[in-house]
Amino acid sequence: MKDVFLDRLREGIENIAGFRMRTPRDFDFLAGSIFKETRSQLSPTTLKRLWGYLKEKESQASRLSTLNILSRYVGYPDWDTFCKFQLDAGECESEFLKNKCLLTNSLLKGDRVKLMWHPNRCVTIQYIGFSMFKVVENRNSKLSVNDTFICERIVENQPLFLYNLIHENGDPVNYACGKVGGVKFEIIGVV
């Protein structure tokens, strides 16, 4: 089953990158993109092993730490969550996402984004830089004003994962918004 999940992970990564991994330059680009989005380093050689580009064992590339980083790159908090969502997907094993997407590093410091999900949840967040946000308004969600978190990408109608959420000055946790129906978002801009 792990091979099926690895295939899905590679497919998801290629969809985000916008091309298939075929040349050394592709893997160099992907390593840079992964670092930019996750702030975690993977070598092009590790990626080549995972894609079978090198005639070496896949085991080093399949380490849990590597799979966790790659899962974060495609929008999941970790490898276990990625696998769980693949199992829950049922008959629909994969799909191309044509949903509206926001890469958060494209925002300007101070920009606000309104997030909405079922049932009747609405949270306004403010970009504070380096993929970090602060909650500035909250309606009907478990998040609180002044909570902070990291979020690298928001994809409409997909679950939204918040990393290193500091909720009411507690210890950092991860949090999922809109696990069933996904989230909708609206860029408000600087207020």
C-alpha atoms as a PDB file:
ATOM      1  CA  MET A   1       0.000   0.000   0.000  1.00  0.00           C
ATOM      2  CA  LYS A   2       2.929   2.340   0.722  1.00  0.00           C
ATOM      3  CA  ASP A   3       3.926   2.200  -2.965  1.00  0.00           C
ATOM      4  CA  VAL A   4       0.455   3.425  -3.967  1.00  0.00           C
ATOM      5  CA  PHE A   5       0.698   6.319  -1.516  1.00  0.00           C
ATOM      6  CA  LEU A   6       4.206   7.175  -2.773  1.00  0.00           C
ATOM      7  CA  ASP A   7       2.874   7.241  -6.340  1.00  0.00           C
ATOM      8  CA  ARG A   8       0.076   9.592  -5.259  1.00  0.00           C
ATOM      9  CA  LEU A   9       2.531  11.787  -3.394  1.00  0.00           C
ATOM     10  CA  ARG A  10       4.833  12.037  -6.431  1.00  0.00           C
ATOM     11  CA  GLU A  11       1.827  12.846  -8.629  1.00  0.00           C
ATOM     12  CA  GLY A  12       0.670  15.566  -6.239  1.00  0.00           C
ATOM     13  CA  ILE A  13       4.154  17.083  -6.108  1.00  0.00           C
ATOM     14  CA  GLU A  14       4.385  17.136  -9.910  1.00  0.00           C
ATOM     15  CA  ASN A  15       0.950  18.775 -10.127  1.00  0.00           C
ATOM     16  CA  ILE A  16       2.089  21.542  -7.786  1.00  0.00           C
ATOM     17  CA  ALA A  17       5.422  21.939  -9.583  1.00  0.00           C
ATOM     18  CA  GLY A  18       3.591  22.041 -12.925  1.00  0.00           C
ATOM     19  CA  PHE A  19       5.728  19.433 -14.702  1.00  0.00           C
ATOM     20  CA  ARG A  20       7.014  15.869 -14.454  1.00  0.00           C
ATOM     21  CA  MET A  21      10.412  15.189 -12.900  1.00  0.00           C
ATOM     22  CA  ARG A  22      12.634  14.076 -15.780  1.00  0.00           C
ATOM     23  CA  THR A  23      15.967  15.869 -15.672  1.00  0.00           C
ATOM     24  CA  PRO A  24      18.523  16.795 -12.992  1.00  0.00           C
ATOM     25  CA  ARG A  25      17.474  20.426 -13.405  1.00  0.00           C
ATOM     26  CA  ASP A  26      13.859  19.439 -12.538  1.00  0.00           C
ATOM     27  CA  PHE A  27      15.019  17.948  -9.227  1.00  0.00           C
ATOM     28  CA  ASP A  28      17.177  21.004  -8.462  1.00  0.00           C
ATOM     29  CA  PHE A  29      14.147  23.232  -9.057  1.00  0.00           C
ATOM     30  CA  LEU A  30      11.917  21.001  -6.925  1.00  0.00           C
ATOM     31  CA  ALA A  31      14.393  20.987  -4.011  1.00  0.00           C
ATOM     32  CA  GLY A  32      14.386  24.813  -4.068  1.00  0.00           C
ATOM     33  CA  SER A  33      10.599  24.971  -4.285  1.00  0.00           C
ATOM     34  CA  ILE A  34      10.202  22.564  -1.371  1.00  0.00           C
ATOM     35  CA  PHE A  35      12.571  24.646   0.756  1.00  0.00           C
ATOM     36  CA  LYS A  36      10.760  27.857  -0.176  1.00  0.00           C
ATOM     37  CA  GLU A  37       7.353  26.414   0.779  1.00  0.00           C
ATOM     38  CA  THR A  38       8.247  24.312   3.837  1.00  0.00           C
ATOM     39  CA  ARG A  39      11.516  25.835   5.092  1.00  0.00           C
ATOM     40  CA  SER A  40      12.851  22.254   5.164  1.00  0.00           C
ATOM     41  CA  GLN A  41      15.799  21.084   3.088  1.00  0.00           C
ATOM     42  CA  LEU A  42      15.760  17.992   0.851  1.00  0.00           C
ATOM     43  CA  SER A  43      18.622  17.320  -1.514  1.00  0.00           C
ATOM     44  CA  PRO A  44      18.018  16.819  -5.228  1.00  0.00           C
ATOM     45  CA  THR A  45      19.695  13.409  -4.809  1.00  0.00           C
ATOM     46  CA  THR A  46      17.093  12.342  -2.223  1.00  0.00           C
ATOM     47  CA  LEU A  47      14.335  13.426  -4.603  1.00  0.00           C
ATOM     48  CA  LYS A  48      15.965  11.551  -7.492  1.00  0.00           C
ATOM     49  CA  ARG A  49      16.002   8.387  -5.377  1.00  0.00           C
ATOM     50  CA  LEU A  50      12.328   8.782  -4.541  1.00  0.00           C
ATOM     51  CA  TRP A  51      11.434   9.134  -8.225  1.00  0.00           C
ATOM     52  CA  GLY A  52      13.640   6.174  -9.179  1.00  0.00           C
ATOM     53  CA  TYR A  53      15.846   8.444 -11.284  1.00  0.00           C
ATOM     54  CA  LEU A  54      18.920   6.943  -9.620  1.00  0.00           C
ATOM     55  CA  LYS A  55      19.476   3.206  -9.695  1.00  0.00           C
ATOM     56  CA  GLU A  56      19.847   3.088  -5.908  1.00  0.00           C
ATOM     57  CA  LYS A  57      17.599   1.895  -3.150  1.00  0.00           C
ATOM     58  CA  GLU A  58      14.602   4.068  -2.372  1.00  0.00           C
ATOM     59  CA  SER A  59      14.910   3.460   1.386  1.00  0.00           C
ATOM     60  CA  GLN A  60      16.852   6.621   2.262  1.00  0.00           C
ATOM     61  CA  ALA A  61      14.435   8.785   0.267  1.00  0.00           C
ATOM     62  CA  SER A  62      11.508   7.028   1.955  1.00  0.00           C
ATOM     63  CA  ARG A  63      12.498   7.988   5.482  1.00  0.00           C
ATOM     64  CA  LEU A  64       9.610   9.289   7.521  1.00  0.00           C
ATOM     65  CA  SER A  65      11.235  12.722   7.870  1.00  0.00           C
ATOM     66  CA  THR A  66      11.464  12.999   4.063  1.00  0.00           C
ATOM     67  CA  LEU A  67       7.865  11.842   3.600  1.00  0.00           C
ATOM     68  CA  ASN A  68       6.674  14.341   6.232  1.00  0.00           C
ATOM     69  CA  ILE A  69       8.356  17.227   4.384  1.00  0.00           C
ATOM     70  CA  LEU A  70       6.922  16.140   1.033  1.00  0.00           C
ATOM     71  CA  SER A  71       3.458  15.707   2.563  1.00  0.00           C
ATOM     72  CA  ARG A  72       3.634  19.273   3.907  1.00  0.00           C
ATOM     73  CA  TYR A  73       4.612  20.467   0.426  1.00  0.00           C
ATOM     74  CA  VAL A  74       1.361  19.054  -0.998  1.00  0.00           C
ATOM     75  CA  GLY A  75      -0.744  20.527   1.802  1.00  0.00           C
ATOM     76  CA  TYR A  76      -0.907  17.900   4.563  1.00  0.00           C
ATOM     77  CA  PRO A  77       0.611  18.232   8.026  1.00  0.00           C
ATOM     78  CA  ASP A  78       2.526  14.941   7.784  1.00  0.00           C
ATOM     79  CA  TRP A  79       2.842  11.557   6.011  1.00  0.00           C
ATOM     80  CA  ASP A  80       0.331   9.795   8.278  1.00  0.00           C
ATOM     81  CA  THR A  81      -2.341  12.410   7.548  1.00  0.00           C
ATOM     82  CA  PHE A  82      -1.579  12.229   3.820  1.00  0.00           C
ATOM     83  CA  CYS A  83      -2.053   8.435   3.898  1.00  0.00           C
ATOM     84  CA  LYS A  84      -5.258   8.707   5.943  1.00  0.00           C
ATOM     85  CA  PHE A  85      -6.761  11.148   3.436  1.00  0.00           C
ATOM     86  CA  GLN A  86      -5.781   8.805   0.602  1.00  0.00           C
ATOM     87  CA  LEU A  87      -7.615   5.929   2.318  1.00  0.00           C
ATOM     88  CA  ASP A  88     -10.639   8.138   2.989  1.00  0.00           C
ATOM     89  CA  ALA A  89     -10.738   9.194  -0.666  1.00  0.00           C
ATOM     90  CA  GLY A  90     -12.413   5.870  -1.532  1.00  0.00           C
ATOM     91  CA  GLU A  91     -12.828   5.179  -5.225  1.00  0.00           C
ATOM     92  CA  CYS A  92     -11.496   8.566  -6.319  1.00  0.00           C
ATOM     93  CA  GLU A  93      -7.787   7.912  -5.912  1.00  0.00           C
ATOM     94  CA  SER A  94      -6.517  11.127  -7.430  1.00  0.00           C
ATOM     95  CA  GLU A  95      -7.697  14.252  -9.140  1.00  0.00           C
ATOM     96  CA  PHE A  96      -6.425  17.439 -10.691  1.00  0.00           C
ATOM     97  CA  LEU A  97      -7.250  20.432  -8.538  1.00  0.00           C
ATOM     98  CA  LYS A  98      -8.391  23.435 -10.512  1.00  0.00           C
ATOM     99  CA  ASN A  99      -9.508  25.273  -7.416  1.00  0.00           C
ATOM    100  CA  LYS A 100      -8.476  28.819  -6.655  1.00  0.00           C
ATOM    101  CA  CYS A 101      -5.157  28.729  -4.765  1.00  0.00           C
ATOM    102  CA  LEU A 102      -3.293  31.301  -2.689  1.00  0.00           C
ATOM    103  CA  LEU A 103       0.429  30.908  -2.014  1.00  0.00           C
ATOM    104  CA  THR A 104       0.722  32.898   1.161  1.00  0.00           C
ATOM    105  CA  ASN A 105       4.236  34.174   0.467  1.00  0.00           C
ATOM    106  CA  SER A 106       2.668  36.249  -2.335  1.00  0.00           C
ATOM    107  CA  LEU A 107       0.869  38.391   0.269  1.00  0.00           C
ATOM    108  CA  LEU A 108       2.173  41.677   1.615  1.00  0.00           C
ATOM    109  CA  LYS A 109       2.731  42.195   5.325  1.00  0.00           C
ATOM    110  CA  GLY A 110      -0.546  43.441   6.800  1.00  0.00           C
ATOM    111  CA  ASP A 111      -2.788  41.839   4.134  1.00  0.00           C
ATOM    112  CA  ARG A 112      -5.917  40.225   5.511  1.00  0.00           C
ATOM    113  CA  VAL A 113      -7.634  37.068   4.310  1.00  0.00           C
ATOM    114  CA  LYS A 114     -11.150  36.005   5.236  1.00  0.00           C
ATOM    115  CA  LEU A 115     -11.595  32.233   5.689  1.00  0.00           C
ATOM    116  CA  MET A 116     -15.013  30.566   5.693  1.00  0.00           C
ATOM    117  CA  TRP A 117     -16.032  26.933   6.232  1.00  0.00           C
ATOM    118  CA  HIS A 118     -19.042  24.890   7.270  1.00  0.00           C
ATOM    119  CA  PRO A 119     -20.996  25.309   9.470  1.00  0.00           C
ATOM    120  CA  ASN A 120     -20.996  29.092   9.592  1.00  0.00           C
ATOM    121  CA  ARG A 121     -17.316  29.506  10.540  1.00  0.00           C
ATOM    122  CA  CYS A 122     -15.625  32.768   9.592  1.00  0.00           C
ATOM    123  CA  VAL A 123     -12.120  33.871  10.573  1.00  0.00           C
ATOM    124  CA  THR A 124     -10.136  36.883   9.375  1.00  0.00           C
ATOM    125  CA  ILE A 125      -6.373  36.470   9.482  1.00  0.00           C
ATOM    126  CA  GLN A 126      -3.595  39.008   8.971  1.00  0.00           C
ATOM    127  CA  TYR A 127      -0.303  38.182   7.240  1.00  0.00           C
ATOM    128  CA  ILE A 128       2.663  39.016   9.480  1.00  0.00           C
ATOM    129  CA  GLY A 129       5.405  37.668   7.191  1.00  0.00           C
ATOM    130  CA  PHE A 130       7.307  34.452   6.469  1.00  0.00           C
ATOM    131  CA  SER A 131       4.063  32.442   5.937  1.00  0.00           C
ATOM    132  CA  MET A 132       2.865  33.460   9.429  1.00  0.00           C
ATOM    133  CA  PHE A 133      -0.582  34.795  10.289  1.00  0.00           C
ATOM    134  CA  LYS A 134      -2.434  36.228  13.272  1.00  0.00           C
ATOM    135  CA  VAL A 135      -6.184  35.785  13.850  1.00  0.00           C
ATOM    136  CA  VAL A 136      -7.801  39.248  13.982  1.00  0.00           C
ATOM    137  CA  GLU A 137     -11.505  38.308  13.874  1.00  0.00           C
ATOM    138  CA  ASN A 138     -13.334  35.107  14.724  1.00  0.00           C
ATOM    139  CA  ARG A 139     -16.918  33.934  14.364  1.00  0.00           C
ATOM    140  CA  ASN A 140     -17.968  30.450  15.508  1.00  0.00           C
ATOM    141  CA  SER A 141     -14.580  28.743  15.243  1.00  0.00           C
ATOM    142  CA  LYS A 142     -12.281  27.237  17.874  1.00  0.00           C
ATOM    143  CA  LEU A 143      -9.567  29.733  16.920  1.00  0.00           C
ATOM    144  CA  SER A 144      -9.161  32.865  19.039  1.00  0.00           C
ATOM    145  CA  VAL A 145      -8.189  36.443  18.257  1.00  0.00           C
ATOM    146  CA  ASN A 146      -4.376  36.816  18.491  1.00  0.00           C
ATOM    147  CA  ASP A 147      -3.711  33.116  17.802  1.00  0.00           C
ATOM    148  CA  THR A 148      -0.729  32.797  15.431  1.00  0.00           C
ATOM    149  CA  PHE A 149       0.156  30.042  12.979  1.00  0.00           C
ATOM    150  CA  ILE A 150       2.048  29.138   9.818  1.00  0.00           C
ATOM    151  CA  CYS A 151       0.180  28.490   6.574  1.00  0.00           C
ATOM    152  CA  GLU A 152       1.936  28.195   3.222  1.00  0.00           C
ATOM    153  CA  ARG A 153      -0.972  27.622   0.847  1.00  0.00           C
ATOM    154  CA  ILE A 154      -4.759  27.970   0.849  1.00  0.00           C
ATOM    155  CA  VAL A 155      -6.679  25.923  -1.724  1.00  0.00           C
ATOM    156  CA  GLU A 156     -10.385  26.690  -2.030  1.00  0.00           C
ATOM    157  CA  ASN A 157     -12.771  23.826  -1.193  1.00  0.00           C
ATOM    158  CA  GLN A 158      -9.927  21.799   0.356  1.00  0.00           C
ATOM    159  CA  PRO A 159      -9.065  21.361   4.045  1.00  0.00           C
ATOM    160  CA  LEU A 160      -6.738  24.063   5.358  1.00  0.00           C
ATOM    161  CA  PHE A 161      -3.883  22.998   7.628  1.00  0.00           C
ATOM    162  CA  LEU A 162      -2.422  25.450  10.124  1.00  0.00           C
ATOM    163  CA  TYR A 163       1.021  24.609  11.511  1.00  0.00           C
ATOM    164  CA  ASN A 164       2.585  25.649  14.807  1.00  0.00           C
ATOM    165  CA  LEU A 165      -0.682  27.190  15.966  1.00  0.00           C
ATOM    166  CA  ILE A 166      -0.176  29.089  19.216  1.00  0.00           C
ATOM    167  CA  HIS A 167      -3.715  28.988  20.623  1.00  0.00           C
ATOM    168  CA  GLU A 168      -4.353  31.206  23.630  1.00  0.00           C
ATOM    169  CA  ASN A 169      -0.619  31.209  24.517  1.00  0.00           C
ATOM    170  CA  GLY A 170      -0.500  27.400  24.765  1.00  0.00           C
ATOM    171  CA  ASP A 171       2.011  24.988  23.274  1.00  0.00           C
ATOM    172  CA  PRO A 172       2.262  24.832  19.458  1.00  0.00           C
ATOM    173  CA  VAL A 173      -0.209  22.444  17.804  1.00  0.00           C
ATOM    174  CA  ASN A 174      -1.402  21.766  14.261  1.00  0.00           C
ATOM    175  CA  TYR A 175      -5.013  22.449  13.305  1.00  0.00           C
ATOM    176  CA  ALA A 176      -7.275  21.588  10.359  1.00  0.00           C
ATOM    177  CA  CYS A 177     -10.068  23.885   9.158  1.00  0.00           C
ATOM    178  CA  GLY A 178     -12.874  22.581   6.957  1.00  0.00           C
ATOM    179  CA  LYS A 179     -11.879  18.911   7.088  1.00  0.00           C
ATOM    180  CA  VAL A 180     -15.099  17.797   5.375  1.00  0.00           C
ATOM    181  CA  GLY A 181     -16.114  20.502   2.900  1.00  0.00           C
ATOM    182  CA  GLY A 182     -12.935  22.536   2.688  1.00  0.00           C
ATOM    183  CA  VAL A 183     -12.541  26.295   3.088  1.00  0.00           C
ATOM    184  CA  LYS A 184     -13.348  29.297   0.969  1.00  0.00           C
ATOM    185  CA  PHE A 185     -11.187  32.399   1.109  1.00  0.00           C
ATOM    186  CA  GLU A 186     -11.317  36.037   0.142  1.00  0.00           C
ATOM    187  CA  ILE A 187      -8.343  38.390   0.088  1.00  0.00           C
ATOM    188  CA  ILE A 188      -9.348  41.608   1.838  1.00  0.00           C
ATOM    189  CA  GLY A 189      -6.024  43.393   1.491  1.00  0.00           C
ATOM    190  CA  VAL A 190      -4.462  45.795   3.976  1.00  0.00           C
ATOM    191  CA  VAL A 191      -6.957  47.284   6.415  1.00  0.00           C
END
